[in-house]
Amino acid sequence: ASVHLKSGNDLEMRAQHIEQIQAAIKRANPDCDFTMLLGDFRSRLHCQSPADRVYDTHSRRTASEIVAGICEGMDCKLQREKYKENERGEPDDTRYYDEMWQMLNTPAEVVCDGKPALALDTVSSFGAEIAEGKWAEAGNLTFYPTYRFVPTGGAVCPGPPHGRCYENDNDVWHAPAYVDRVILSQSKYVKADVAAYGPLRMLRPEMATEPWRASVHEPLRVELTLEQKTGTYGVLV
């Protein structure tokens, strides 16, 4: 199913919208063994890491702060310890910066945008299913944020391979983010083997033609194989 969730700082609302999408899928396909949700989940890098929580550090990061924190040139990733130490000289777990990562990995305590911790697993059936291990992302975020690029100019330009720039630091809500994602749910009868997950320009540069460069998003691609008792099926998105 393709999704395009509402923006803003209400992650509980986004979880509830996913829950409604799930319900619609189950009504149409009650015996479905595999579900893929893909599209714009509006996930921002506005959440607090464990170190942020101890020191009550703000979580509204500018484009410059994000690029400095997770990138070495265009080698960007969310990982257990960031490339550069934080302002207190300590390594930080940058995976926690991302709203979707916290939703999928710490549903009992999601802390974003300076709000009190949300126990997603108790307020949403989506969160409850996550806690039961029924949902996961198609892969790790070992690539640069695919949003928000400006068609021309820009203030924060990490460099090759695409030569594009992110929105300037004056608009924190439109700072670089991993808004476009693919999440999967599978039953015990199906196994998804993901071969590739990342920006189209990195995975299949020959397909990255000029028209997409006018968008503030960069296309995301996932390549996976579904293994089932009745056979094997390849899926490209």
C-alpha atoms as a PDB file:
ATOM      1  CA  ALA A   1       0.000   0.000   0.000  1.00  0.00           C
ATOM      2  CA  SER A   2       1.190   3.515  -0.779  1.00  0.00           C
ATOM      3  CA  VAL A   3       0.980   6.098   2.011  1.00  0.00           C
ATOM      4  CA  HIS A   4       1.336   9.861   2.322  1.00  0.00           C
ATOM      5  CA  LEU A   5       0.912  10.840   5.959  1.00  0.00           C
ATOM      6  CA  LYS A   6       0.173  14.242   7.434  1.00  0.00           C
ATOM      7  CA  SER A   7       3.136  16.406   8.386  1.00  0.00           C
ATOM      8  CA  GLY A   8       3.604  18.051  11.761  1.00  0.00           C
ATOM      9  CA  ASN A   9       4.872  17.011  15.168  1.00  0.00           C
ATOM     10  CA  ASP A  10       2.005  14.655  16.086  1.00  0.00           C
ATOM     11  CA  LEU A  11       3.558  11.210  15.696  1.00  0.00           C
ATOM     12  CA  GLU A  12       0.662   9.564  17.557  1.00  0.00           C
ATOM     13  CA  MET A  13      -1.659  10.822  14.823  1.00  0.00           C
ATOM     14  CA  ARG A  14       0.617   9.350  12.160  1.00  0.00           C
ATOM     15  CA  ALA A  15       0.624   5.996  13.971  1.00  0.00           C
ATOM     16  CA  GLN A  16      -3.157   6.066  14.081  1.00  0.00           C
ATOM     17  CA  HIS A  17      -3.310   6.799  10.355  1.00  0.00           C
ATOM     18  CA  ILE A  18      -1.073   3.785   9.697  1.00  0.00           C
ATOM     19  CA  GLU A  19      -3.455   1.771  11.889  1.00  0.00           C
ATOM     20  CA  GLN A  20      -6.369   2.863   9.681  1.00  0.00           C
ATOM     21  CA  ILE A  21      -4.430   1.844   6.561  1.00  0.00           C
ATOM     22  CA  GLN A  22      -3.717  -1.535   8.144  1.00  0.00           C
ATOM     23  CA  ALA A  23      -7.404  -2.024   8.912  1.00  0.00           C
ATOM     24  CA  ALA A  24      -8.348  -1.266   5.298  1.00  0.00           C
ATOM     25  CA  ILE A  25      -5.763  -3.757   4.031  1.00  0.00           C
ATOM     26  CA  LYS A  26      -7.015  -6.457   6.384  1.00  0.00           C
ATOM     27  CA  ARG A  27     -10.623  -5.888   5.325  1.00  0.00           C
ATOM     28  CA  ALA A  28      -9.644  -6.312   1.677  1.00  0.00           C
ATOM     29  CA  ASN A  29      -7.151  -9.151   2.282  1.00  0.00           C
ATOM     30  CA  PRO A  30      -7.905 -10.870   5.615  1.00  0.00           C
ATOM     31  CA  ASP A  31      -5.527 -13.773   4.914  1.00  0.00           C
ATOM     32  CA  CYS A  32      -2.593 -11.743   3.580  1.00  0.00           C
ATOM     33  CA  ASP A  33       0.817 -13.156   4.597  1.00  0.00           C
ATOM     34  CA  PHE A  34       2.892 -10.154   3.510  1.00  0.00           C
ATOM     35  CA  THR A  35       2.267  -6.412   3.697  1.00  0.00           C
ATOM     36  CA  MET A  36       4.445  -3.619   2.359  1.00  0.00           C
ATOM     37  CA  LEU A  37       3.792   0.033   3.220  1.00  0.00           C
ATOM     38  CA  LEU A  38       5.777   2.535   1.178  1.00  0.00           C
ATOM     39  CA  GLY A  39       5.675   6.260   0.618  1.00  0.00           C
ATOM     40  CA  ASP A  40       6.047   9.512   2.537  1.00  0.00           C
ATOM     41  CA  PHE A  41       5.755   8.744   6.263  1.00  0.00           C
ATOM     42  CA  ARG A  42       6.804  12.321   7.151  1.00  0.00           C
ATOM     43  CA  SER A  43       9.461  10.963   9.504  1.00  0.00           C
ATOM     44  CA  ARG A  44      11.863  13.700  10.592  1.00  0.00           C
ATOM     45  CA  LEU A  45      15.217  13.713  12.383  1.00  0.00           C
ATOM     46  CA  HIS A  46      13.644  15.620  15.271  1.00  0.00           C
ATOM     47  CA  CYS A  47      13.767  12.992  18.015  1.00  0.00           C
ATOM     48  CA  GLN A  48      15.961  12.766  21.089  1.00  0.00           C
ATOM     49  CA  SER A  49      18.739  10.240  21.565  1.00  0.00           C
ATOM     50  CA  PRO A  50      19.428   8.795  25.042  1.00  0.00           C
ATOM     51  CA  ALA A  51      22.191  11.399  25.503  1.00  0.00           C
ATOM     52  CA  ASP A  52      19.812  14.180  24.468  1.00  0.00           C
ATOM     53  CA  ARG A  53      17.335  13.022  27.113  1.00  0.00           C
ATOM     54  CA  VAL A  54      19.908  13.049  29.898  1.00  0.00           C
ATOM     55  CA  TYR A  55      21.007  16.586  29.083  1.00  0.00           C
ATOM     56  CA  ASP A  56      17.602  17.777  27.818  1.00  0.00           C
ATOM     57  CA  THR A  57      19.166  18.821  24.513  1.00  0.00           C
ATOM     58  CA  HIS A  58      16.885  20.267  21.838  1.00  0.00           C
ATOM     59  CA  SER A  59      15.954  17.963  18.968  1.00  0.00           C
ATOM     60  CA  ARG A  60      15.040  20.463  16.239  1.00  0.00           C
ATOM     61  CA  ARG A  61      18.204  20.141  14.148  1.00  0.00           C
ATOM     62  CA  THR A  62      19.168  22.386  11.250  1.00  0.00           C
ATOM     63  CA  ALA A  63      20.410  21.070   7.922  1.00  0.00           C
ATOM     64  CA  SER A  64      23.996  21.961   8.864  1.00  0.00           C
ATOM     65  CA  GLU A  65      23.713  20.141  12.216  1.00  0.00           C
ATOM     66  CA  ILE A  66      22.287  17.017  10.583  1.00  0.00           C
ATOM     67  CA  VAL A  67      24.890  16.845   7.828  1.00  0.00           C
ATOM     68  CA  ALA A  68      27.712  17.481  10.323  1.00  0.00           C
ATOM     69  CA  GLY A  69      26.338  14.809  12.642  1.00  0.00           C
ATOM     70  CA  ILE A  70      25.695  11.900  10.272  1.00  0.00           C
ATOM     71  CA  CYS A  71      27.816  12.514   7.153  1.00  0.00           C
ATOM     72  CA  GLU A  72      31.412  12.302   6.021  1.00  0.00           C
ATOM     73  CA  GLY A  73      31.047  13.874   2.602  1.00  0.00           C
ATOM     74  CA  MET A  74      28.146  11.955   1.057  1.00  0.00           C
ATOM     75  CA  ASP A  75      28.838   8.868   3.167  1.00  0.00           C
ATOM     76  CA  CYS A  76      25.882   9.345   5.483  1.00  0.00           C
ATOM     77  CA  LYS A  77      24.174   6.921   7.835  1.00  0.00           C
ATOM     78  CA  LEU A  78      22.260   6.644  11.055  1.00  0.00           C
ATOM     79  CA  GLN A  79      24.341   4.438  13.318  1.00  0.00           C
ATOM     80  CA  ARG A  80      25.134   3.530  16.896  1.00  0.00           C
ATOM     81  CA  GLU A  81      27.951   6.097  17.158  1.00  0.00           C
ATOM     82  CA  LYS A  82      28.025   9.167  14.969  1.00  0.00           C
ATOM     83  CA  TYR A  83      31.108  10.117  12.975  1.00  0.00           C
ATOM     84  CA  LYS A  84      31.719  13.219  15.038  1.00  0.00           C
ATOM     85  CA  GLU A  85      31.249  13.474  18.783  1.00  0.00           C
ATOM     86  CA  ASN A  86      28.426  15.644  20.069  1.00  0.00           C
ATOM     87  CA  GLU A  87      28.935  19.025  21.700  1.00  0.00           C
ATOM     88  CA  ARG A  88      29.787  17.331  25.010  1.00  0.00           C
ATOM     89  CA  GLY A  89      32.553  15.249  23.431  1.00  0.00           C
ATOM     90  CA  GLU A  90      30.549  12.028  23.688  1.00  0.00           C
ATOM     91  CA  PRO A  91      29.613   9.531  20.932  1.00  0.00           C
ATOM     92  CA  ASP A  92      25.892   9.551  20.234  1.00  0.00           C
ATOM     93  CA  ASP A  93      23.453   7.027  18.759  1.00  0.00           C
ATOM     94  CA  THR A  94      22.118   8.899  15.746  1.00  0.00           C
ATOM     95  CA  ARG A  95      19.529   6.225  14.944  1.00  0.00           C
ATOM     96  CA  TYR A  96      17.387   7.707  17.714  1.00  0.00           C
ATOM     97  CA  TYR A  97      17.188  11.019  15.839  1.00  0.00           C
ATOM     98  CA  ASP A  98      14.726   9.473  13.391  1.00  0.00           C
ATOM     99  CA  GLU A  99      11.029   9.233  14.257  1.00  0.00           C
ATOM    100  CA  MET A 100      10.368   6.079  12.244  1.00  0.00           C
ATOM    101  CA  TRP A 101      13.402   4.300  13.714  1.00  0.00           C
ATOM    102  CA  GLN A 102      12.158   4.947  17.243  1.00  0.00           C
ATOM    103  CA  MET A 103       8.637   3.830  16.306  1.00  0.00           C
ATOM    104  CA  LEU A 104       9.937   0.541  14.881  1.00  0.00           C
ATOM    105  CA  ASN A 105      12.631  -0.173  17.475  1.00  0.00           C
ATOM    106  CA  THR A 106      11.595   1.418  20.783  1.00  0.00           C
ATOM    107  CA  PRO A 107       7.764   1.535  20.614  1.00  0.00           C
ATOM    108  CA  ALA A 108       7.436   1.541  24.409  1.00  0.00           C
ATOM    109  CA  GLU A 109       9.231   4.903  24.594  1.00  0.00           C
ATOM    110  CA  VAL A 110       9.276   7.266  21.617  1.00  0.00           C
ATOM    111  CA  VAL A 111      10.677  10.709  22.450  1.00  0.00           C
ATOM    112  CA  CYS A 112      10.432  13.325  19.717  1.00  0.00           C
ATOM    113  CA  ASP A 113      10.266  17.092  19.290  1.00  0.00           C
ATOM    114  CA  GLY A 114      10.708  17.801  22.988  1.00  0.00           C
ATOM    115  CA  LYS A 115       7.431  16.116  23.926  1.00  0.00           C
ATOM    116  CA  PRO A 116       6.937  13.624  26.783  1.00  0.00           C
ATOM    117  CA  ALA A 117       7.743  10.011  25.944  1.00  0.00           C
ATOM    118  CA  LEU A 118       4.972   8.245  24.040  1.00  0.00           C
ATOM    119  CA  ALA A 119       4.235   4.566  24.710  1.00  0.00           C
ATOM    120  CA  LEU A 120       3.265   3.813  21.131  1.00  0.00           C
ATOM    121  CA  ASP A 121       2.622   0.149  21.892  1.00  0.00           C
ATOM    122  CA  THR A 122      -0.257   1.092  24.212  1.00  0.00           C
ATOM    123  CA  VAL A 123      -2.003   3.781  22.130  1.00  0.00           C
ATOM    124  CA  SER A 124      -1.985   2.109  18.709  1.00  0.00           C
ATOM    125  CA  SER A 125      -2.500  -1.403  17.369  1.00  0.00           C
ATOM    126  CA  PHE A 126       0.333  -0.568  14.944  1.00  0.00           C
ATOM    127  CA  GLY A 127       2.606   0.053  17.935  1.00  0.00           C
ATOM    128  CA  ALA A 128       1.404  -3.160  19.563  1.00  0.00           C
ATOM    129  CA  GLU A 129       2.242  -5.144  16.417  1.00  0.00           C
ATOM    130  CA  ILE A 130       5.690  -3.544  16.334  1.00  0.00           C
ATOM    131  CA  ALA A 131       6.263  -4.634  19.936  1.00  0.00           C
ATOM    132  CA  GLU A 132       5.344  -8.175  18.854  1.00  0.00           C
ATOM    133  CA  GLY A 133       8.011  -8.060  16.138  1.00  0.00           C
ATOM    134  CA  LYS A 134       5.569  -7.937  13.222  1.00  0.00           C
ATOM    135  CA  TRP A 135       6.976  -4.836  11.470  1.00  0.00           C
ATOM    136  CA  ALA A 136      10.459  -3.848  10.306  1.00  0.00           C
ATOM    137  CA  GLU A 137      12.039  -1.495   7.806  1.00  0.00           C
ATOM    138  CA  ALA A 138      13.249  -2.915   4.493  1.00  0.00           C
ATOM    139  CA  GLY A 139      16.843  -2.051   5.427  1.00  0.00           C
ATOM    140  CA  ASN A 140      19.152   0.182   7.433  1.00  0.00           C
ATOM    141  CA  LEU A 141      19.546   3.883   6.678  1.00  0.00           C
ATOM    142  CA  THR A 142      23.105   3.665   5.354  1.00  0.00           C
ATOM    143  CA  PHE A 143      22.593   6.413   2.784  1.00  0.00           C
ATOM    144  CA  TYR A 144      22.121  10.183   2.727  1.00  0.00           C
ATOM    145  CA  PRO A 145      18.728  11.744   3.618  1.00  0.00           C
ATOM    146  CA  THR A 146      16.558  11.775   0.494  1.00  0.00           C
ATOM    147  CA  TYR A 147      14.638  14.958   1.501  1.00  0.00           C
ATOM    148  CA  ARG A 148      14.579  18.015   1.280  1.00  0.00           C
ATOM    149  CA  PHE A 149      16.562  19.048  -1.773  1.00  0.00           C
ATOM    150  CA  VAL A 150      16.154  22.361  -3.546  1.00  0.00           C
ATOM    151  CA  PRO A 151      16.040  22.332  -7.372  1.00  0.00           C
ATOM    152  CA  THR A 152      18.657  25.066  -7.643  1.00  0.00           C
ATOM    153  CA  GLY A 153      21.015  26.719  -5.199  1.00  0.00           C
ATOM    154  CA  GLY A 154      20.688  25.907  -1.498  1.00  0.00           C
ATOM    155  CA  ALA A 155      22.687  26.469   1.629  1.00  0.00           C
ATOM    156  CA  VAL A 156      23.891  23.003   2.665  1.00  0.00           C
ATOM    157  CA  CYS A 157      25.650  21.030  -0.081  1.00  0.00           C
ATOM    158  CA  PRO A 158      27.302  17.796   1.115  1.00  0.00           C
ATOM    159  CA  GLY A 159      28.866  17.160  -2.277  1.00  0.00           C
ATOM    160  CA  PRO A 160      29.013  14.223  -4.746  1.00  0.00           C
ATOM    161  CA  PRO A 161      27.525  12.035  -6.073  1.00  0.00           C
ATOM    162  CA  HIS A 162      24.416  14.018  -6.975  1.00  0.00           C
ATOM    163  CA  GLY A 163      25.635  17.593  -6.593  1.00  0.00           C
ATOM    164  CA  ARG A 164      22.343  18.762  -5.099  1.00  0.00           C
ATOM    165  CA  CYS A 165      21.812  20.854  -1.986  1.00  0.00           C
ATOM    166  CA  TYR A 166      19.488  20.707   0.998  1.00  0.00           C
ATOM    167  CA  GLU A 167      17.128  23.446   2.143  1.00  0.00           C
ATOM    168  CA  ASN A 168      18.814  26.238   4.073  1.00  0.00           C
ATOM    169  CA  ASP A 169      19.030  26.381   7.861  1.00  0.00           C
ATOM    170  CA  ASN A 170      16.232  28.943   8.226  1.00  0.00           C
ATOM    171  CA  ASP A 171      13.544  26.273   7.854  1.00  0.00           C
ATOM    172  CA  VAL A 172      14.164  23.656  10.560  1.00  0.00           C
ATOM    173  CA  TRP A 173      11.008  21.667   9.781  1.00  0.00           C
ATOM    174  CA  HIS A 174      12.269  21.113   6.234  1.00  0.00           C
ATOM    175  CA  ALA A 175      15.754  20.028   7.331  1.00  0.00           C
ATOM    176  CA  PRO A 176      17.191  16.862   5.703  1.00  0.00           C
ATOM    177  CA  ALA A 177      15.186  13.759   6.600  1.00  0.00           C
ATOM    178  CA  TYR A 178      14.337  10.204   5.654  1.00  0.00           C
ATOM    179  CA  VAL A 179      10.642  10.824   4.983  1.00  0.00           C
ATOM    180  CA  ASP A 180      10.247   8.235   2.201  1.00  0.00           C
ATOM    181  CA  ARG A 181      10.432   4.708   3.600  1.00  0.00           C
ATOM    182  CA  VAL A 182       9.458   1.081   3.045  1.00  0.00           C
ATOM    183  CA  ILE A 183       8.272  -1.015   5.993  1.00  0.00           C
ATOM    184  CA  LEU A 184       7.333  -4.686   5.877  1.00  0.00           C
ATOM    185  CA  SER A 185       5.163  -7.119   7.806  1.00  0.00           C
ATOM    186  CA  GLN A 186       5.330 -10.843   7.125  1.00  0.00           C
ATOM    187  CA  SER A 187       3.782 -13.969   8.538  1.00  0.00           C
ATOM    188  CA  LYS A 188       5.610 -17.200   9.404  1.00  0.00           C
ATOM    189  CA  TYR A 189       4.719 -18.469   5.928  1.00  0.00           C
ATOM    190  CA  VAL A 190       6.657 -15.782   4.062  1.00  0.00           C
ATOM    191  CA  LYS A 191      10.233 -14.530   4.209  1.00  0.00           C
ATOM    192  CA  ALA A 192      11.365 -11.311   2.540  1.00  0.00           C
ATOM    193  CA  ASP A 193      15.001 -11.271   1.431  1.00  0.00           C
ATOM    194  CA  VAL A 194      15.979  -7.651   0.713  1.00  0.00           C
ATOM    195  CA  ALA A 195      18.859  -7.342  -1.749  1.00  0.00           C
ATOM    196  CA  ALA A 196      19.033  -3.530  -1.913  1.00  0.00           C
ATOM    197  CA  TYR A 197      17.449  -0.502  -0.227  1.00  0.00           C
ATOM    198  CA  GLY A 198      18.411   3.090  -0.898  1.00  0.00           C
ATOM    199  CA  PRO A 199      18.257   6.088  -3.260  1.00  0.00           C
ATOM    200  CA  LEU A 200      17.666   5.241  -6.902  1.00  0.00           C
ATOM    201  CA  ARG A 201      20.701   7.269  -7.956  1.00  0.00           C
ATOM    202  CA  MET A 202      22.962   5.082  -5.793  1.00  0.00           C
ATOM    203  CA  LEU A 203      21.434   1.711  -6.729  1.00  0.00           C
ATOM    204  CA  ARG A 204      20.577   2.230 -10.397  1.00  0.00           C
ATOM    205  CA  PRO A 205      22.239   5.435 -11.644  1.00  0.00           C
ATOM    206  CA  GLU A 206      21.288   4.640 -15.247  1.00  0.00           C
ATOM    207  CA  MET A 207      17.616   5.034 -14.254  1.00  0.00           C
ATOM    208  CA  ALA A 208      18.079   8.366 -12.473  1.00  0.00           C
ATOM    209  CA  THR A 209      17.076  10.638 -15.342  1.00  0.00           C
ATOM    210  CA  GLU A 210      16.794  14.413 -15.165  1.00  0.00           C
ATOM    211  CA  PRO A 211      13.036  14.894 -14.389  1.00  0.00           C
ATOM    212  CA  TRP A 212      13.343  13.659 -10.784  1.00  0.00           C
ATOM    213  CA  ARG A 213      15.889  16.385 -10.041  1.00  0.00           C
ATOM    214  CA  ALA A 214      13.079  18.960  -9.951  1.00  0.00           C
ATOM    215  CA  SER A 215      11.570  17.271  -6.887  1.00  0.00           C
ATOM    216  CA  VAL A 216      12.487  18.022  -3.272  1.00  0.00           C
ATOM    217  CA  HIS A 217      12.467  14.222  -2.768  1.00  0.00           C
ATOM    218  CA  GLU A 218      14.922  11.749  -4.247  1.00  0.00           C
ATOM    219  CA  PRO A 219      13.397   8.415  -5.403  1.00  0.00           C
ATOM    220  CA  LEU A 220      13.893   5.433  -3.113  1.00  0.00           C
ATOM    221  CA  ARG A 221      14.252   1.879  -4.408  1.00  0.00           C
ATOM    222  CA  VAL A 222      13.896  -1.516  -2.746  1.00  0.00           C
ATOM    223  CA  GLU A 223      14.750  -4.841  -4.358  1.00  0.00           C
ATOM    224  CA  LEU A 224      13.502  -7.944  -2.583  1.00  0.00           C
ATOM    225  CA  THR A 225      12.544 -11.561  -3.039  1.00  0.00           C
ATOM    226  CA  LEU A 226       9.614 -13.221  -1.296  1.00  0.00           C
ATOM    227  CA  GLU A 227      10.034 -16.858  -0.371  1.00  0.00           C
ATOM    228  CA  GLN A 228       6.871 -18.869   0.175  1.00  0.00           C
ATOM    229  CA  LYS A 229       5.985 -22.554   0.377  1.00  0.00           C
ATOM    230  CA  THR A 230       4.416 -22.301  -3.074  1.00  0.00           C
ATOM    231  CA  GLY A 231       7.357 -20.557  -4.761  1.00  0.00           C
ATOM    232  CA  THR A 232       9.661 -17.561  -4.976  1.00  0.00           C
ATOM    233  CA  TYR A 233       8.620 -14.127  -6.249  1.00  0.00           C
ATOM    234  CA  GLY A 234      10.824 -11.124  -7.065  1.00  0.00           C
ATOM    235  CA  VAL A 235       9.614  -7.630  -6.225  1.00  0.00           C
ATOM    236  CA  LEU A 236      11.035  -4.290  -7.386  1.00  0.00           C
ATOM    237  CA  VAL A 237       9.661  -0.969  -6.151  1.00  0.00           C
END
